[in-house]
Every structure is written in structure tokens, then in C-alpha cells.
C-alpha atoms as a PDB file:
ATOM      1  CA  MET A   1     -21.589   7.184  -5.590  1.00  0.00           C
ATOM      2  CA  HIS A   2     -19.603  10.369  -5.064  1.00  0.00           C
ATOM      3  CA  LYS A   3     -19.607  11.162  -8.788  1.00  0.00           C
ATOM      4  CA  LEU A   4     -23.404  10.786  -8.924  1.00  0.00           C
ATOM      5  CA  HIS A   5     -23.844  12.967  -5.836  1.00  0.00           C
ATOM      6  CA  THR A   6     -21.893  15.739  -7.565  1.00  0.00           C
ATOM      7  CA  LEU A   7     -24.472  15.475 -10.374  1.00  0.00           C
ATOM      8  CA  ASN A   8     -27.325  15.752  -7.834  1.00  0.00           C
ATOM      9  CA  VAL A   9     -28.406  12.133  -8.249  1.00  0.00           C
ATOM     10  CA  GLU A  10     -29.762  10.323  -5.220  1.00  0.00           C
ATOM     11  CA  THR A  11     -28.052   6.974  -4.635  1.00  0.00           C
ATOM     12  CA  LYS A  12     -28.201   4.052  -2.269  1.00  0.00           C
ATOM     13  CA  PRO A  13     -26.219   0.837  -1.974  1.00  0.00           C
ATOM     14  CA  VAL A  14     -27.850  -2.479  -2.857  1.00  0.00           C
ATOM     15  CA  ARG A  15     -26.904  -5.589  -0.916  1.00  0.00           C
ATOM     16  CA  LEU A  16     -30.214  -7.456  -0.673  1.00  0.00           C
ATOM     17  CA  PRO A  17     -33.039  -8.143  -3.157  1.00  0.00           C
ATOM     18  CA  HIS A  18     -35.594  -5.875  -1.462  1.00  0.00           C
ATOM     19  CA  GLU A  19     -33.209  -2.923  -1.869  1.00  0.00           C
ATOM     20  CA  LEU A  20     -33.789  -3.035  -5.653  1.00  0.00           C
ATOM     21  CA  LYS A  21     -37.389  -1.966  -5.118  1.00  0.00           C
ATOM     22  CA  ASP A  22     -38.186   1.542  -6.336  1.00  0.00           C
ATOM     23  CA  LEU A  23     -34.786   2.059  -7.980  1.00  0.00           C
ATOM     24  CA  ASP A  24     -34.749   3.748 -11.384  1.00  0.00           C
ATOM     25  CA  ALA A  25     -31.392   2.244 -12.385  1.00  0.00           C
ATOM     26  CA  LEU A  26     -28.355   0.408 -11.078  1.00  0.00           C
ATOM     27  CA  ILE A  27     -24.593   0.645 -11.444  1.00  0.00           C
ATOM     28  CA  ILE A  28     -22.646  -2.548 -10.849  1.00  0.00           C
ATOM     29  CA  PRO A  29     -19.169  -1.288  -9.953  1.00  0.00           C
ATOM     30  CA  GLY A  30     -15.680  -2.552 -10.448  1.00  0.00           C
ATOM     31  CA  GLY A  31     -14.040  -4.811  -7.931  1.00  0.00           C
ATOM     32  CA  GLU A  32     -13.614  -8.566  -8.165  1.00  0.00           C
ATOM     33  CA  SER A  33     -16.188 -10.162 -10.457  1.00  0.00           C
ATOM     34  CA  THR A  34     -15.932 -13.617  -8.888  1.00  0.00           C
ATOM     35  CA  THR A  35     -16.599 -12.148  -5.440  1.00  0.00           C
ATOM     36  CA  ILE A  36     -19.489 -10.034  -6.759  1.00  0.00           C
ATOM     37  CA  GLY A  37     -21.028 -13.163  -8.283  1.00  0.00           C
ATOM     38  CA  LYS A  38     -20.549 -15.313  -5.192  1.00  0.00           C
ATOM     39  CA  LEU A  39     -22.069 -12.632  -2.960  1.00  0.00           C
ATOM     40  CA  ALA A  40     -25.005 -12.266  -5.356  1.00  0.00           C
ATOM     41  CA  VAL A  41     -25.612 -16.022  -5.064  1.00  0.00           C
ATOM     42  CA  THR A  42     -25.232 -16.003  -1.262  1.00  0.00           C
ATOM     43  CA  TYR A  43     -27.684 -13.124  -0.827  1.00  0.00           C
ATOM     44  CA  HIS A  44     -30.162 -14.419  -3.445  1.00  0.00           C
ATOM     45  CA  LEU A  45     -29.608 -11.456  -5.749  1.00  0.00           C
ATOM     46  CA  VAL A  46     -28.967 -13.209  -9.060  1.00  0.00           C
ATOM     47  CA  LYS A  47     -32.588 -13.701 -10.174  1.00  0.00           C
ATOM     48  CA  PRO A  48     -33.759 -10.290  -8.905  1.00  0.00           C
ATOM     49  CA  LEU A  49     -30.823  -8.640 -10.684  1.00  0.00           C
ATOM     50  CA  ARG A  50     -31.628 -10.477 -13.929  1.00  0.00           C
ATOM     51  CA  ARG A  51     -35.224  -9.243 -13.705  1.00  0.00           C
ATOM     52  CA  PHE A  52     -33.984  -5.719 -12.953  1.00  0.00           C
ATOM     53  CA  CYS A  53     -31.683  -5.796 -16.013  1.00  0.00           C
ATOM     54  CA  LYS A  54     -34.647  -6.689 -18.230  1.00  0.00           C
ATOM     55  CA  ALA A  55     -36.695  -3.777 -16.923  1.00  0.00           C
ATOM     56  CA  LYS A  56     -34.378  -0.872 -16.106  1.00  0.00           C
ATOM     57  CA  PRO A  57     -31.061   0.732 -17.049  1.00  0.00           C
ATOM     58  CA  VAL A  58     -27.972  -0.985 -15.647  1.00  0.00           C
ATOM     59  CA  TRP A  59     -24.345   0.036 -16.087  1.00  0.00           C
ATOM     60  CA  GLY A  60     -21.538  -2.389 -15.358  1.00  0.00           C
ATOM     61  CA  THR A  61     -18.028  -0.974 -15.009  1.00  0.00           C
ATOM     62  CA  CYS A  62     -15.010  -3.303 -15.168  1.00  0.00           C
ATOM     63  CA  ALA A  63     -16.003  -6.221 -12.889  1.00  0.00           C
ATOM     64  CA  GLY A  64     -19.612  -5.111 -13.369  1.00  0.00           C
ATOM     65  CA  MET A  65     -19.130  -5.620 -17.109  1.00  0.00           C
ATOM     66  CA  ILE A  66     -17.882  -9.147 -16.460  1.00  0.00           C
ATOM     67  CA  PHE A  67     -20.818  -9.899 -14.137  1.00  0.00           C
ATOM     68  CA  MET A  68     -23.313  -8.743 -16.796  1.00  0.00           C
ATOM     69  CA  ALA A  69     -21.788 -10.904 -19.561  1.00  0.00           C
ATOM     70  CA  GLN A  70     -23.079 -14.153 -21.047  1.00  0.00           C
ATOM     71  CA  ASN A  71     -19.623 -15.686 -20.759  1.00  0.00           C
ATOM     72  CA  ALA A  72     -16.376 -14.673 -19.057  1.00  0.00           C
ATOM     73  CA  GLY A  73     -14.270 -17.735 -19.826  1.00  0.00           C
ATOM     74  CA  ALA A  74     -14.290 -18.862 -16.194  1.00  0.00           C
ATOM     75  CA  ASP A  75     -16.602 -20.793 -13.920  1.00  0.00           C
ATOM     76  CA  GLN A  76     -18.249 -17.992 -11.979  1.00  0.00           C
ATOM     77  CA  PRO A  77     -21.789 -16.698 -11.400  1.00  0.00           C
ATOM     78  CA  LEU A  78     -22.877 -14.268 -14.126  1.00  0.00           C
ATOM     79  CA  LEU A  79     -26.081 -12.344 -14.740  1.00  0.00           C
ATOM     80  CA  GLN A  80     -25.979 -13.150 -18.463  1.00  0.00           C
ATOM     81  CA  ALA A  81     -27.907  -9.911 -18.951  1.00  0.00           C
ATOM     82  CA  MET A  82     -26.080  -8.698 -22.062  1.00  0.00           C
ATOM     83  CA  ASP A  83     -25.204 -10.579 -25.222  1.00  0.00           C
ATOM     84  CA  ILE A  84     -21.467 -10.154 -24.714  1.00  0.00           C
ATOM     85  CA  GLU A  85     -18.490 -12.365 -24.036  1.00  0.00           C
ATOM     86  CA  VAL A  86     -15.548 -10.920 -22.147  1.00  0.00           C
ATOM     87  CA  GLU A  87     -11.982 -11.826 -21.311  1.00  0.00           C
ATOM     88  CA  ARG A  88     -11.121 -11.117 -17.683  1.00  0.00           C
ATOM     89  CA  ASN A  89      -7.881  -9.275 -16.818  1.00  0.00           C
ATOM     90  CA  ALA A  90      -7.248  -8.839 -20.537  1.00  0.00           C
ATOM     91  CA  PHE A  91      -4.594  -6.170 -20.127  1.00  0.00           C
ATOM     92  CA  GLY A  92      -2.486  -7.791 -17.434  1.00  0.00           C
ATOM     93  CA  ARG A  93      -1.949  -7.240 -13.756  1.00  0.00           C
ATOM     94  CA  GLN A  94      -2.554  -4.126 -11.702  1.00  0.00           C
ATOM     95  CA  VAL A  95       0.969  -2.870 -12.419  1.00  0.00           C
ATOM     96  CA  ASP A  96      -0.030  -2.837 -16.103  1.00  0.00           C
ATOM     97  CA  SER A  97      -2.800  -0.263 -15.475  1.00  0.00           C
ATOM     98  CA  PHE A  98      -3.053   2.574 -17.981  1.00  0.00           C
ATOM     99  CA  VAL A  99      -5.141   5.529 -19.137  1.00  0.00           C
ATOM    100  CA  GLU A 100      -6.202   5.865 -22.762  1.00  0.00           C
ATOM    101  CA  SER A 101      -8.081   8.712 -24.404  1.00  0.00           C
ATOM    102  CA  LEU A 102     -11.271   7.453 -26.038  1.00  0.00           C
ATOM    103  CA  TYR A 103     -13.509   9.309 -28.449  1.00  0.00           C
ATOM    104  CA  LEU A 104     -17.105   8.427 -27.551  1.00  0.00           C
ATOM    105  CA  ASP A 105     -19.748   9.593 -30.043  1.00  0.00           C
ATOM    106  CA  MET A 106     -22.635   9.333 -27.600  1.00  0.00           C
ATOM    107  CA  ILE A 107     -21.295  11.687 -24.909  1.00  0.00           C
ATOM    108  CA  GLU A 108     -21.251  15.478 -25.011  1.00  0.00           C
ATOM    109  CA  LYS A 109     -18.418  16.672 -27.287  1.00  0.00           C
ATOM    110  CA  GLY A 110     -17.245  13.054 -27.432  1.00  0.00           C
ATOM    111  CA  THR A 111     -15.851  13.370 -30.951  1.00  0.00           C
ATOM    112  CA  GLU A 112     -13.918  16.536 -30.050  1.00  0.00           C
ATOM    113  CA  THR A 113     -12.750  15.947 -26.486  1.00  0.00           C
ATOM    114  CA  PRO A 114     -11.572  12.437 -25.601  1.00  0.00           C
ATOM    115  CA  PHE A 115     -12.669  10.683 -22.437  1.00  0.00           C
ATOM    116  CA  PRO A 116      -9.776   9.655 -20.121  1.00  0.00           C
ATOM    117  CA  ALA A 117     -10.468   5.929 -19.644  1.00  0.00           C
ATOM    118  CA  VAL A 118      -8.708   4.356 -16.639  1.00  0.00           C
ATOM    119  CA  PHE A 119      -7.950   0.637 -17.084  1.00  0.00           C
ATOM    120  CA  ILE A 120      -7.075  -1.403 -13.978  1.00  0.00           C
ATOM    121  CA  ARG A 121      -6.979  -5.218 -14.454  1.00  0.00           C
ATOM    122  CA  SER A 122      -9.725  -4.587 -16.966  1.00  0.00           C
ATOM    123  CA  PRO A 123     -11.667  -6.989 -19.147  1.00  0.00           C
ATOM    124  CA  LYS A 124     -12.206  -6.586 -22.863  1.00  0.00           C
ATOM    125  CA  LEU A 125     -15.120  -7.473 -25.098  1.00  0.00           C
ATOM    126  CA  ILE A 126     -14.248 -10.433 -27.294  1.00  0.00           C
ATOM    127  CA  LYS A 127     -17.690 -11.131 -28.737  1.00  0.00           C
ATOM    128  CA  THR A 128     -20.896  -9.100 -29.048  1.00  0.00           C
ATOM    129  CA  GLY A 129     -24.360 -10.099 -30.181  1.00  0.00           C
ATOM    130  CA  ALA A 130     -26.259  -8.568 -33.086  1.00  0.00           C
ATOM    131  CA  LYS A 131     -28.174  -6.102 -30.871  1.00  0.00           C
ATOM    132  CA  VAL A 132     -25.060  -4.873 -29.044  1.00  0.00           C
ATOM    133  CA  ASN A 133     -23.559  -1.572 -30.139  1.00  0.00           C
ATOM    134  CA  VAL A 134     -19.820  -1.220 -29.481  1.00  0.00           C
ATOM    135  CA  LEU A 135     -19.321   2.328 -28.202  1.00  0.00           C
ATOM    136  CA  ALA A 136     -15.550   2.489 -27.782  1.00  0.00           C
ATOM    137  CA  ARG A 137     -12.410   0.777 -28.979  1.00  0.00           C
ATOM    138  CA  LEU A 138      -8.777   1.195 -28.056  1.00  0.00           C
ATOM    139  CA  SER A 139      -6.380   2.349 -30.767  1.00  0.00           C
ATOM    140  CA  ASP A 140      -5.625  -1.327 -31.565  1.00  0.00           C
ATOM    141  CA  GLY A 141      -9.338  -2.009 -32.199  1.00  0.00           C
ATOM    142  CA  THR A 142     -10.079  -3.761 -28.893  1.00  0.00           C
ATOM    143  CA  ALA A 143     -13.715  -3.181 -27.864  1.00  0.00           C
ATOM    144  CA  VAL A 144     -13.973  -1.696 -24.348  1.00  0.00           C
ATOM    145  CA  ALA A 145     -17.508  -0.249 -24.073  1.00  0.00           C
ATOM    146  CA  ALA A 146     -20.893  -1.352 -25.377  1.00  0.00           C
ATOM    147  CA  GLN A 147     -24.615  -0.833 -25.074  1.00  0.00           C
ATOM    148  CA  GLU A 148     -27.574  -3.123 -25.613  1.00  0.00           C
ATOM    149  CA  GLY A 149     -30.777  -1.154 -25.202  1.00  0.00           C
ATOM    150  CA  LYS A 150     -30.726   0.307 -21.692  1.00  0.00           C
ATOM    151  CA  LEU A 151     -27.755  -1.828 -20.610  1.00  0.00           C
ATOM    152  CA  LEU A 152     -24.313  -0.226 -20.669  1.00  0.00           C
ATOM    153  CA  VAL A 153     -20.875  -1.718 -19.976  1.00  0.00           C
ATOM    154  CA  THR A 154     -17.426  -0.180 -19.778  1.00  0.00           C
ATOM    155  CA  ALA A 155     -14.183  -2.084 -19.260  1.00  0.00           C
ATOM    156  CA  PHE A 156     -12.692   0.967 -17.596  1.00  0.00           C
ATOM    157  CA  HIS A 157     -13.388   3.034 -14.469  1.00  0.00           C
ATOM    158  CA  PRO A 158     -15.098   6.363 -15.342  1.00  0.00           C
ATOM    159  CA  GLU A 159     -15.596   7.090 -11.644  1.00  0.00           C
ATOM    160  CA  LEU A 160     -11.835   7.561 -11.249  1.00  0.00           C
ATOM    161  CA  THR A 161     -11.729  10.612 -13.512  1.00  0.00           C
ATOM    162  CA  GLU A 162     -12.887  14.190 -13.151  1.00  0.00           C
ATOM    163  CA  ASP A 163     -14.893  13.775 -16.368  1.00  0.00           C
ATOM    164  CA  HIS A 164     -18.653  13.460 -15.724  1.00  0.00           C
ATOM    165  CA  ARG A 165     -19.802  12.877 -19.295  1.00  0.00           C
ATOM    166  CA  LEU A 166     -20.290   9.104 -19.126  1.00  0.00           C
ATOM    167  CA  HIS A 167     -22.254   9.434 -15.898  1.00  0.00           C
ATOM    168  CA  GLN A 168     -24.361  12.138 -17.561  1.00  0.00           C
ATOM    169  CA  TYR A 169     -24.947   9.782 -20.487  1.00  0.00           C
ATOM    170  CA  PHE A 170     -26.166   7.058 -18.114  1.00  0.00           C
ATOM    171  CA  ILE A 171     -28.453   9.549 -16.357  1.00  0.00           C
ATOM    172  CA  HIS A 172     -29.891  10.432 -19.778  1.00  0.00           C
ATOM    173  CA  LEU A 173     -30.461   6.702 -20.406  1.00  0.00           C
ATOM    174  CA  ILE A 174     -32.405   6.491 -17.141  1.00  0.00           C
ATOM    175  CA  TYR A 175     -34.704   9.389 -17.996  1.00  0.00           C
ATOM    176  CA  SER A 176     -35.200   8.341 -21.613  1.00  0.00           C
ATOM    177  CA  SER A 177     -36.284   4.838 -20.544  1.00  0.00           C
ATOM    178  CA  LYS A 178     -39.080   6.058 -18.251  1.00  0.00           C
END
């Protein structure tokens, strides 16, 4: 939320279904995807979140990407909001964390200045549907960011960098979908 506040965007946390009311968009953050899913079930958020994903922009980062997927290769609650399949913890344990420079065409100066993508126990995209546009790949070709309409997913943590361009891109998505 801090990154959005620096961009003068009003934010609020969502823990219960009624808190989705009047939101223009939603970011589902990193964390532990199984826990996010179980809490969404416990607090009756799964169906409201699925409806929200059909109507408004949603960005899932890391665990949020997993939660938005059709399939994550494990028995866990998923929103199945995007036509993607992911592999959880695809790059190893936390000690295997890394930063890779990604060239992202859709962000400001994204073909000139790389985005510093922070990967911490991150997933990777292993399958995408016909309407899904892969936005970023690692140097080995692994897909790590995608968009399907107003839905955006990144396997990495843009909030952990000083670079605001991906957040600005999501803000643009919000305003262009109104």
C-alpha cells in the first residue's frame, strides 16, 4: 500500500466481502497462497472475489498470481479468474531468491530501462490460455508476468523495488477500464 500512497492512490485493506464494495480495483499481494485461499474460504470471499475479477482490474503478485490461476498443481482454493496454470515455488526456497532485470514493453521506457524484478519463492507460468498475453520472460524463456484483459499477474514483487512503473501501469489499467 505504501507504493500506491506515494503515487497518490487511496487504498484500503480488504478482509471481508462487503469491503469490496465501491473499490475501483484490487491487488492480491504476495504471501502464502494456500493461506490466502483458506482465509478467503473462511471469510466467504471466494465468490465475491470471482465476481470482482470479472468486473474490475485485479493484479496478483507472487502468491496473488497463484490464487488467481486456474490450476496451481496443488489442492488449494483458487479464484480461477485467469486462464493460467502456475507452478508454485518454481525457483526454489527463500535462500534461492534473486533479482532479474526484465524489459517490459507496456511500461514507460520498458524497452530501454529494465525493471528490477524481485523473485522470492516465486511461481512461474507454465500454461496460458489463448486470450492471455505474456508480458515478461526470464532470460531462459520462463514466463513470469501476464495479462488477460484487465487482470494482471506478476510472479515477482514489484512493491519491493523503488521502481513505480508497474504500479503506474496498473493505475492506467484502472482508469482505462472505467
